[in-house]
């Protein structure tokens, strides 16, 4: 994982977070920024990273074969927080914007290549990663994206690729309205078409965009 660092970093992050993405940021604000490697050095290849807008020191790192890692000091130290679970391949992770204690992890990397690892569904933590519970979608195998509603941590969407080497029914876009207790398949084409990404319209939370 790499982050920008220097004395101007806080000002740039504040400017970007407070402005719409469609607006242009003055290049002079970030010309002095440089990338530096902050780890986790044993984490390996990664597809999933999430931070806390409310706390710029906290980040989560989901490795495709090394579980979930957490830092509370901007990458100076990393702690593996998923080692007691039965799977280590992470495809996506998301922290609930309205409750930083709620984290959803979609297991199984979804970057199709010659050597990939599969997962066993979605995991949820309600204590900022100290403990985890598998909340279903066990046969999705590869999850490309998990997103959480901005004001309701119980509403979560999952873009599931499904089996990488054959047809499967448990693929497409799934929605839970009760924090993962139950799931509804809300977008499905056929048993050979998976979902890889999903996003909410920031101006209208009833509009979603999905990639299949």
Protein backbone atom coordinates (compact mmCIF):
# COMPACT_ATOMS: atom_id res chain seq x y z
CA UNK A 1 0.00 0.00 0.00
CA UNK A 2 1.28 3.47 -0.85
CA UNK A 3 0.20 6.82 0.48
CA UNK A 4 1.07 10.44 -0.18
CA UNK A 5 3.09 12.14 2.50
CA UNK A 6 4.48 15.56 3.40
CA UNK A 7 3.36 18.59 5.38
CA UNK A 8 0.80 19.53 2.74
CA UNK A 9 -0.98 16.16 2.84
CA UNK A 10 -3.64 17.18 5.36
CA UNK A 11 -4.54 20.25 3.36
CA UNK A 12 -4.89 18.26 0.15
CA UNK A 13 -7.03 15.55 1.74
CA UNK A 14 -9.27 18.19 3.27
CA UNK A 15 -9.63 19.97 -0.06
CA UNK A 16 -10.46 16.79 -1.98
CA UNK A 17 -12.91 15.44 0.60
CA UNK A 18 -14.76 18.73 0.78
CA UNK A 19 -15.10 19.23 -2.96
CA UNK A 20 -17.06 17.36 -5.58
CA UNK A 21 -14.96 15.03 -7.73
CA UNK A 22 -16.11 16.90 -10.82
CA UNK A 23 -14.34 20.04 -9.64
CA UNK A 24 -10.72 20.69 -10.56
CA UNK A 25 -8.11 20.64 -7.79
CA UNK A 26 -5.30 23.18 -8.13
CA UNK A 27 -2.18 21.10 -9.07
CA UNK A 28 -0.01 23.31 -6.88
CA UNK A 29 -1.65 21.78 -3.81
CA UNK A 30 -0.19 18.33 -4.44
CA UNK A 31 2.99 18.97 -6.47
CA UNK A 32 5.13 18.42 -3.36
CA UNK A 33 3.55 15.08 -2.48
CA UNK A 34 5.48 11.82 -2.96
CA UNK A 35 4.50 8.17 -2.67
CA UNK A 36 6.08 6.04 0.06
CA UNK A 37 5.66 2.34 0.76
CA UNK A 38 3.95 1.71 4.11
CA UNK A 39 3.22 -2.03 3.92
CA UNK A 40 2.01 -4.41 5.13
CA UNK A 41 5.19 -5.99 3.81
CA UNK A 42 3.93 -9.56 4.29
CA UNK A 43 0.50 -8.76 2.88
CA UNK A 44 1.10 -9.72 -0.72
CA UNK A 45 -1.02 -8.86 -3.73
CA UNK A 46 -4.07 -6.71 -2.98
CA UNK A 47 -7.42 -5.76 -4.51
CA UNK A 48 -9.17 -4.26 -1.47
CA UNK A 49 -8.23 -1.21 0.60
CA UNK A 50 -10.48 0.98 2.75
CA UNK A 51 -9.92 3.92 5.06
CA UNK A 52 -11.97 5.94 7.53
CA UNK A 53 -12.90 9.49 6.50
CA UNK A 54 -13.46 10.19 10.20
CA UNK A 55 -9.97 9.00 11.17
CA UNK A 56 -7.15 9.37 8.61
CA UNK A 57 -4.87 7.11 10.69
CA UNK A 58 -6.99 3.97 10.21
CA UNK A 59 -6.79 1.81 7.08
CA UNK A 60 -7.77 -1.76 6.19
CA UNK A 61 -5.90 -3.89 3.65
CA UNK A 62 -7.42 -7.01 2.07
CA UNK A 63 -4.89 -9.40 0.55
CA UNK A 64 -5.86 -11.87 -2.16
CA UNK A 65 -4.19 -14.66 -0.19
CA UNK A 66 -3.29 -13.16 3.19
CA UNK A 67 -6.51 -12.07 4.90
CA UNK A 68 -7.32 -8.62 6.27
CA UNK A 69 -4.80 -6.27 7.89
CA UNK A 70 -5.39 -3.09 9.90
CA UNK A 71 -3.30 -0.06 10.78
CA UNK A 72 -4.23 2.63 13.29
CA UNK A 73 -1.09 4.74 12.80
CA UNK A 74 -1.08 5.49 9.05
CA UNK A 75 0.87 2.36 8.13
CA UNK A 76 3.67 2.42 10.72
CA UNK A 77 2.34 -0.87 12.12
CA UNK A 78 -0.02 -3.43 10.59
CA UNK A 79 -1.94 -6.18 12.42
CA UNK A 80 -3.51 -9.22 10.71
CA UNK A 81 -7.11 -9.36 11.94
CA UNK A 82 -8.56 -12.23 9.87
CA UNK A 83 -6.25 -15.12 10.76
CA UNK A 84 -8.84 -17.14 12.68
CA UNK A 85 -11.24 -17.41 9.76
CA UNK A 86 -11.40 -20.33 7.37
CA UNK A 87 -10.44 -18.39 4.24
CA UNK A 88 -7.66 -15.93 3.42
CA UNK A 89 -8.55 -14.67 -0.05
CA UNK A 90 -10.12 -11.19 0.04
CA UNK A 91 -11.85 -9.68 -3.00
CA UNK A 92 -13.40 -6.57 -1.48
CA UNK A 93 -13.96 -4.84 1.84
CA UNK A 94 -16.07 -1.90 2.93
CA UNK A 95 -16.45 0.08 6.13
CA UNK A 96 -19.94 1.39 6.80
CA UNK A 97 -19.81 5.19 6.32
CA UNK A 98 -22.30 5.72 9.17
CA UNK A 99 -20.65 3.32 11.66
CA UNK A 100 -16.90 2.72 11.59
CA UNK A 101 -17.30 -0.42 13.71
CA UNK A 102 -19.19 -2.21 10.94
CA UNK A 103 -17.03 -3.81 8.24
CA UNK A 104 -18.08 -6.16 5.44
CA UNK A 105 -15.56 -8.38 3.66
CA UNK A 106 -16.24 -10.17 0.39
CA UNK A 107 -13.96 -13.19 0.11
CA UNK A 108 -12.42 -14.63 -3.02
CA UNK A 109 -10.35 -12.47 -5.33
CA UNK A 110 -12.17 -11.50 -8.52
CA UNK A 111 -9.18 -10.58 -10.69
CA UNK A 112 -9.23 -13.44 -13.18
CA UNK A 113 -5.74 -14.75 -13.90
CA UNK A 114 -3.93 -18.05 -14.12
CA UNK A 115 -3.63 -18.52 -10.36
CA UNK A 116 -6.49 -17.25 -8.15
CA UNK A 117 -7.91 -18.16 -4.74
CA UNK A 118 -11.61 -18.52 -3.98
CA UNK A 119 -13.60 -17.60 -0.89
CA UNK A 120 -16.71 -18.70 1.00
CA UNK A 121 -18.97 -15.66 1.04
CA UNK A 122 -19.33 -12.46 3.02
CA UNK A 123 -17.97 -11.78 6.50
CA UNK A 124 -19.09 -9.02 8.85
CA UNK A 125 -17.51 -7.38 11.88
CA UNK A 126 -19.38 -5.09 14.28
CA UNK A 127 -16.36 -4.32 16.47
CA UNK A 128 -13.91 -2.77 13.98
CA UNK A 129 -12.35 -6.08 12.99
CA UNK A 130 -11.79 -7.77 16.34
CA UNK A 131 -14.28 -10.56 15.59
CA UNK A 132 -15.95 -11.80 12.40
CA UNK A 133 -19.06 -13.71 11.37
CA UNK A 134 -19.80 -15.30 8.01
CA UNK A 135 -23.14 -13.85 6.90
CA UNK A 136 -23.79 -15.86 3.76
CA UNK A 137 -23.40 -16.05 -0.03
CA UNK A 138 -21.14 -19.04 0.56
CA UNK A 139 -21.05 -20.25 -3.05
CA UNK A 140 -20.19 -16.92 -4.70
CA UNK A 141 -16.47 -17.91 -4.58
CA UNK A 142 -15.24 -14.59 -6.05
CA UNK A 143 -16.58 -11.20 -4.90
CA UNK A 144 -15.56 -8.11 -6.85
CA UNK A 145 -17.17 -5.37 -4.77
CA UNK A 146 -19.01 -4.75 -1.51
CA UNK A 147 -20.65 -1.37 -0.84
CA UNK A 148 -22.59 -0.15 2.19
CA UNK A 149 -25.38 2.41 2.21
CA UNK A 150 -24.04 5.80 3.38
CA UNK A 151 -26.53 6.21 6.24
CA UNK A 152 -27.68 2.65 7.06
CA UNK A 153 -25.01 0.05 7.94
CA UNK A 154 -27.56 -2.77 7.54
CA UNK A 155 -28.05 -2.09 3.82
CA UNK A 156 -25.24 -3.67 1.81
CA UNK A 157 -24.77 -4.64 -1.84
CA UNK A 158 -22.45 -7.35 -3.18
CA UNK A 159 -21.22 -7.80 -6.74
CA UNK A 160 -20.44 -11.51 -7.05
CA UNK A 161 -18.49 -12.96 -9.94
CA UNK A 162 -19.41 -16.54 -9.06
CA UNK A 163 -17.39 -19.59 -10.06
CA UNK A 164 -14.42 -18.64 -12.20
CA UNK A 165 -14.27 -21.84 -14.25
CA UNK A 166 -17.86 -22.86 -14.79
CA UNK A 167 -21.53 -21.92 -14.51
CA UNK A 168 -23.06 -21.11 -11.12
CA UNK A 169 -26.35 -19.71 -9.89
CA UNK A 170 -24.97 -17.68 -6.98
CA UNK A 171 -23.63 -14.77 -9.01
CA UNK A 172 -24.79 -11.29 -9.95
CA UNK A 173 -25.73 -8.44 -7.57
CA UNK A 174 -27.11 -9.23 -4.12
CA UNK A 175 -28.69 -6.93 -1.53
CA UNK A 176 -29.21 -7.30 2.20
CA UNK A 177 -31.50 -4.97 4.13
CA UNK A 178 -30.83 -6.53 7.54
CA UNK A 179 -27.07 -6.53 7.93
CA UNK A 180 -26.47 -9.84 6.16
CA UNK A 181 -29.12 -11.96 7.89
CA UNK A 182 -30.82 -12.48 4.52
CA UNK A 183 -29.89 -11.76 0.90
CA UNK A 184 -31.91 -11.03 -2.22
CA UNK A 185 -30.56 -11.45 -5.74
CA UNK A 186 -31.46 -8.11 -7.34
CA UNK A 187 -29.56 -8.36 -10.64
CA UNK A 188 -29.01 -11.60 -12.51
CA UNK A 189 -28.51 -12.40 -16.19
CA UNK A 190 -27.66 -16.10 -16.30
CA UNK A 191 -25.43 -18.71 -14.67
CA UNK A 192 -22.46 -17.70 -16.85
CA UNK A 193 -22.55 -13.93 -16.21
CA UNK A 194 -21.05 -12.54 -13.03
CA UNK A 195 -20.98 -9.07 -11.47
CA UNK A 196 -17.61 -7.45 -10.88
CA UNK A 197 -18.39 -3.93 -9.66
CA UNK A 198 -21.19 -1.79 -8.25
CA UNK A 199 -21.48 1.85 -7.19
CA UNK A 200 -24.08 4.18 -5.70
CA UNK A 201 -24.88 7.51 -7.32
CA UNK A 202 -23.61 10.02 -4.71
CA UNK A 203 -26.44 12.41 -5.58
CA UNK A 204 -29.25 9.85 -5.46
CA UNK A 205 -28.87 6.77 -3.27
CA UNK A 206 -31.71 5.02 -5.07
CA UNK A 207 -29.61 4.81 -8.24
CA UNK A 208 -26.96 2.10 -8.59
CA UNK A 209 -24.57 1.25 -11.39
CA UNK A 210 -23.35 -2.32 -11.86
CA UNK A 211 -20.81 -3.93 -14.16
CA UNK A 212 -21.37 -7.51 -15.32
